[in-house]
Amino acid sequence: MMRDVPVTTVEALSDRYQALLFDAYGVLVHADGPLPGAVELLRWLRQAGKPFYVVTNSAARLPEVAAERYRRFGLDLQPTQIITAGSLLGPYLRAAGLLGCRCASSARRAPFATSSRPAPNRCRRPPISMRW
């Protein structure tokens, strides 16, 4: 049995929540630029003084690079308004006491690697090897 999806407005959401989070791809932008209404939406939120952030699971770009790309699309976004999977990693590693440790990635290839030489392990925990 399919239930009706409740309908709301940006104004109602803005009144209900202290800040709004938007996914980047498929909500605000696609490969060719902004989706219809995205520029106006962010402009309205900024004028209303409502905090908003863009979240993305992409770690391919730094928030500064992503913000510049979004600005080229006409979206007024600052790097501090972009939350990427990669931007959450540093604070997590610091809080977990793993900053400076070798880390394993489940990716088949690490696109962020800068050297073929392994980094020194500054952690007291032994490195782990994953194979699949």
C-alpha atoms as a PDB file:
ATOM      1  CA  MET A   1       0.000   0.000   0.000  1.00  0.00           C
ATOM      2  CA  MET A   2       1.465   3.319  -1.076  1.00  0.00           C
ATOM      3  CA  ARG A   3       1.070   6.247   1.284  1.00  0.00           C
ATOM      4  CA  ASP A   4       0.768   9.834   0.194  1.00  0.00           C
ATOM      5  CA  VAL A   5       4.000  11.778   0.513  1.00  0.00           C
ATOM      6  CA  PRO A   6       3.467  14.910   2.585  1.00  0.00           C
ATOM      7  CA  VAL A   7       3.969  18.157   0.712  1.00  0.00           C
ATOM      8  CA  THR A   8       5.750  21.083   2.310  1.00  0.00           C
ATOM      9  CA  THR A   9       7.427  24.326   1.361  1.00  0.00           C
ATOM     10  CA  VAL A  10      10.918  25.697   1.843  1.00  0.00           C
ATOM     11  CA  GLU A  11       9.422  28.368   4.057  1.00  0.00           C
ATOM     12  CA  ALA A  12       7.861  25.731   6.335  1.00  0.00           C
ATOM     13  CA  LEU A  13      11.106  23.766   6.508  1.00  0.00           C
ATOM     14  CA  SER A  14      13.016  26.951   7.217  1.00  0.00           C
ATOM     15  CA  ASP A  15      10.694  27.728  10.114  1.00  0.00           C
ATOM     16  CA  ARG A  16      10.901  24.184  11.487  1.00  0.00           C
ATOM     17  CA  TYR A  17      14.689  23.619  11.420  1.00  0.00           C
ATOM     18  CA  GLN A  18      17.664  25.684  12.597  1.00  0.00           C
ATOM     19  CA  ALA A  19      19.659  24.854   9.457  1.00  0.00           C
ATOM     20  CA  LEU A  20      19.001  23.043   6.196  1.00  0.00           C
ATOM     21  CA  LEU A  21      21.199  20.399   4.547  1.00  0.00           C
ATOM     22  CA  PHE A  22      21.078  19.702   0.826  1.00  0.00           C
ATOM     23  CA  ASP A  23      22.681  16.896  -1.111  1.00  0.00           C
ATOM     24  CA  ALA A  24      24.681  18.297  -3.990  1.00  0.00           C
ATOM     25  CA  TYR A  25      24.141  15.943  -6.918  1.00  0.00           C
ATOM     26  CA  GLY A  26      20.590  15.500  -8.074  1.00  0.00           C
ATOM     27  CA  VAL A  27      19.238  18.077  -5.619  1.00  0.00           C
ATOM     28  CA  LEU A  28      21.131  21.299  -6.387  1.00  0.00           C
ATOM     29  CA  VAL A  29      23.311  20.371  -9.357  1.00  0.00           C
ATOM     30  CA  HIS A  30      23.927  17.797 -12.055  1.00  0.00           C
ATOM     31  CA  ALA A  31      26.950  17.370 -14.314  1.00  0.00           C
ATOM     32  CA  ASP A  32      25.974  20.286 -16.572  1.00  0.00           C
ATOM     33  CA  GLY A  33      25.119  22.866 -13.924  1.00  0.00           C
ATOM     34  CA  PRO A  34      22.463  23.857 -11.414  1.00  0.00           C
ATOM     35  CA  LEU A  35      19.059  22.241 -11.363  1.00  0.00           C
ATOM     36  CA  PRO A  36      16.080  24.539 -11.969  1.00  0.00           C
ATOM     37  CA  GLY A  37      15.342  26.665  -8.923  1.00  0.00           C
ATOM     38  CA  ALA A  38      18.604  25.902  -7.089  1.00  0.00           C
ATOM     39  CA  VAL A  39      20.111  29.387  -7.533  1.00  0.00           C
ATOM     40  CA  GLU A  40      16.898  31.044  -6.369  1.00  0.00           C
ATOM     41  CA  LEU A  41      16.538  28.671  -3.416  1.00  0.00           C
ATOM     42  CA  LEU A  42      19.992  29.426  -2.039  1.00  0.00           C
ATOM     43  CA  ARG A  43      19.507  33.153  -2.658  1.00  0.00           C
ATOM     44  CA  TRP A  44      16.218  33.065  -0.721  1.00  0.00           C
ATOM     45  CA  LEU A  45      17.802  31.170   2.195  1.00  0.00           C
ATOM     46  CA  ARG A  46      20.700  33.615   2.351  1.00  0.00           C
ATOM     47  CA  GLN A  47      18.349  36.618   2.307  1.00  0.00           C
ATOM     48  CA  ALA A  48      16.231  34.976   5.024  1.00  0.00           C
ATOM     49  CA  GLY A  49      19.365  34.469   7.145  1.00  0.00           C
ATOM     50  CA  LYS A  50      18.803  30.716   7.309  1.00  0.00           C
ATOM     51  CA  PRO A  51      21.994  28.635   7.639  1.00  0.00           C
ATOM     52  CA  PHE A  52      22.351  25.978   4.960  1.00  0.00           C
ATOM     53  CA  TYR A  53      24.987  23.470   3.940  1.00  0.00           C
ATOM     54  CA  VAL A  54      25.664  21.190   1.009  1.00  0.00           C
ATOM     55  CA  VAL A  55      26.596  17.621   1.881  1.00  0.00           C
ATOM     56  CA  THR A  56      28.149  15.187  -0.533  1.00  0.00           C
ATOM     57  CA  ASN A  57      29.686  11.765  -0.230  1.00  0.00           C
ATOM     58  CA  SER A  58      32.175  12.733  -2.922  1.00  0.00           C
ATOM     59  CA  ALA A  59      35.692  13.160  -1.607  1.00  0.00           C
ATOM     60  CA  ALA A  60      37.101  13.893  -5.064  1.00  0.00           C
ATOM     61  CA  ARG A  61      37.253  17.662  -4.455  1.00  0.00           C
ATOM     62  CA  LEU A  62      38.247  19.808  -1.528  1.00  0.00           C
ATOM     63  CA  PRO A  63      35.435  22.081  -0.274  1.00  0.00           C
ATOM     64  CA  GLU A  64      37.351  25.084  -1.703  1.00  0.00           C
ATOM     65  CA  VAL A  65      37.461  23.531  -5.170  1.00  0.00           C
ATOM     66  CA  ALA A  66      33.826  22.413  -4.983  1.00  0.00           C
ATOM     67  CA  ALA A  67      32.710  25.894  -3.875  1.00  0.00           C
ATOM     68  CA  GLU A  68      34.453  27.474  -6.863  1.00  0.00           C
ATOM     69  CA  ARG A  69      32.761  25.002  -9.203  1.00  0.00           C
ATOM     70  CA  TYR A  70      29.352  25.696  -7.668  1.00  0.00           C
ATOM     71  CA  ARG A  71      29.961  29.461  -7.927  1.00  0.00           C
ATOM     72  CA  ARG A  72      30.630  29.008 -11.661  1.00  0.00           C
ATOM     73  CA  PHE A  73      27.159  27.426 -11.784  1.00  0.00           C
ATOM     74  CA  GLY A  74      25.717  30.550 -10.118  1.00  0.00           C
ATOM     75  CA  LEU A  75      25.327  28.986  -6.650  1.00  0.00           C
ATOM     76  CA  ASP A  76      26.556  31.329  -3.924  1.00  0.00           C
ATOM     77  CA  LEU A  77      28.395  28.817  -1.720  1.00  0.00           C
ATOM     78  CA  GLN A  78      31.418  29.230   0.519  1.00  0.00           C
ATOM     79  CA  PRO A  79      33.809  26.347   1.289  1.00  0.00           C
ATOM     80  CA  THR A  80      32.601  26.382   4.910  1.00  0.00           C
ATOM     81  CA  GLN A  81      29.120  25.505   3.639  1.00  0.00           C
ATOM     82  CA  ILE A  82      30.268  22.330   1.902  1.00  0.00           C
ATOM     83  CA  ILE A  83      30.559  19.136   3.913  1.00  0.00           C
ATOM     84  CA  THR A  84      32.296  16.300   2.094  1.00  0.00           C
ATOM     85  CA  ALA A  85      33.057  12.780   3.229  1.00  0.00           C
ATOM     86  CA  GLY A  86      36.735  13.698   3.108  1.00  0.00           C
ATOM     87  CA  SER A  87      36.301  16.857   5.183  1.00  0.00           C
ATOM     88  CA  LEU A  88      34.880  14.788   8.044  1.00  0.00           C
ATOM     89  CA  LEU A  89      37.771  12.345   8.064  1.00  0.00           C
ATOM     90  CA  GLY A  90      40.449  14.544   9.698  1.00  0.00           C
ATOM     91  CA  PRO A  91      38.380  15.490  12.758  1.00  0.00           C
ATOM     92  CA  TYR A  92      37.280  11.864  13.145  1.00  0.00           C
ATOM     93  CA  LEU A  93      40.850  10.542  13.000  1.00  0.00           C
ATOM     94  CA  ARG A  94      41.970  13.203  15.488  1.00  0.00           C
ATOM     95  CA  ALA A  95      39.154  12.346  17.930  1.00  0.00           C
ATOM     96  CA  ALA A  96      39.871   8.611  17.579  1.00  0.00           C
ATOM     97  CA  GLY A  97      43.591   9.105  18.227  1.00  0.00           C
ATOM     98  CA  LEU A  98      44.452   7.902  14.733  1.00  0.00           C
ATOM     99  CA  LEU A  99      45.892  11.089  13.236  1.00  0.00           C
ATOM    100  CA  GLY A 100      49.206  10.193  11.574  1.00  0.00           C
ATOM    101  CA  CYS A 101      48.398   6.491  11.460  1.00  0.00           C
ATOM    102  CA  ARG A 102      48.322   4.443   8.306  1.00  0.00           C
ATOM    103  CA  CYS A 103      44.743   3.883   7.261  1.00  0.00           C
ATOM    104  CA  ALA A 104      43.117   1.291   5.053  1.00  0.00           C
ATOM    105  CA  SER A 105      40.763   2.231   2.274  1.00  0.00           C
ATOM    106  CA  SER A 106      38.108  -0.017   0.828  1.00  0.00           C
ATOM    107  CA  ALA A 107      38.618   1.624  -2.569  1.00  0.00           C
ATOM    108  CA  ARG A 108      40.299  -0.463  -5.238  1.00  0.00           C
ATOM    109  CA  ARG A 109      42.673   2.445  -5.858  1.00  0.00           C
ATOM    110  CA  ALA A 110      43.393   5.451  -3.676  1.00  0.00           C
ATOM    111  CA  PRO A 111      42.915   8.493  -5.956  1.00  0.00           C
ATOM    112  CA  PHE A 112      44.207  10.782  -3.218  1.00  0.00           C
ATOM    113  CA  ALA A 113      47.560   9.040  -2.825  1.00  0.00           C
ATOM    114  CA  THR A 114      50.475  11.383  -3.482  1.00  0.00           C
ATOM    115  CA  SER A 115      53.313   8.880  -3.376  1.00  0.00           C
ATOM    116  CA  SER A 116      53.936   5.243  -4.167  1.00  0.00           C
ATOM    117  CA  ARG A 117      56.121   5.052  -1.039  1.00  0.00           C
ATOM    118  CA  PRO A 118      54.138   4.102   2.081  1.00  0.00           C
ATOM    119  CA  ALA A 119      53.825   6.784   4.735  1.00  0.00           C
ATOM    120  CA  PRO A 120      55.524   6.164   8.055  1.00  0.00           C
ATOM    121  CA  ASN A 121      53.236   4.615  10.617  1.00  0.00           C
ATOM    122  CA  ARG A 122      53.079   7.094  13.518  1.00  0.00           C
ATOM    123  CA  CYS A 123      50.521   4.982  15.290  1.00  0.00           C
ATOM    124  CA  ARG A 124      51.126   2.312  17.883  1.00  0.00           C
ATOM    125  CA  ARG A 125      48.578   0.092  16.191  1.00  0.00           C
ATOM    126  CA  PRO A 126      49.853  -2.297  13.509  1.00  0.00           C
ATOM    127  CA  PRO A 127      48.794  -1.681   9.892  1.00  0.00           C
ATOM    128  CA  ILE A 128      46.025  -3.863   8.489  1.00  0.00           C
ATOM    129  CA  SER A 129      45.986  -5.339   5.001  1.00  0.00           C
ATOM    130  CA  MET A 130      42.661  -5.855   3.234  1.00  0.00           C
ATOM    131  CA  ARG A 131      42.272  -8.026   0.141  1.00  0.00           C
ATOM    132  CA  TRP A 132      39.202  -8.537  -2.009  1.00  0.00           C
END
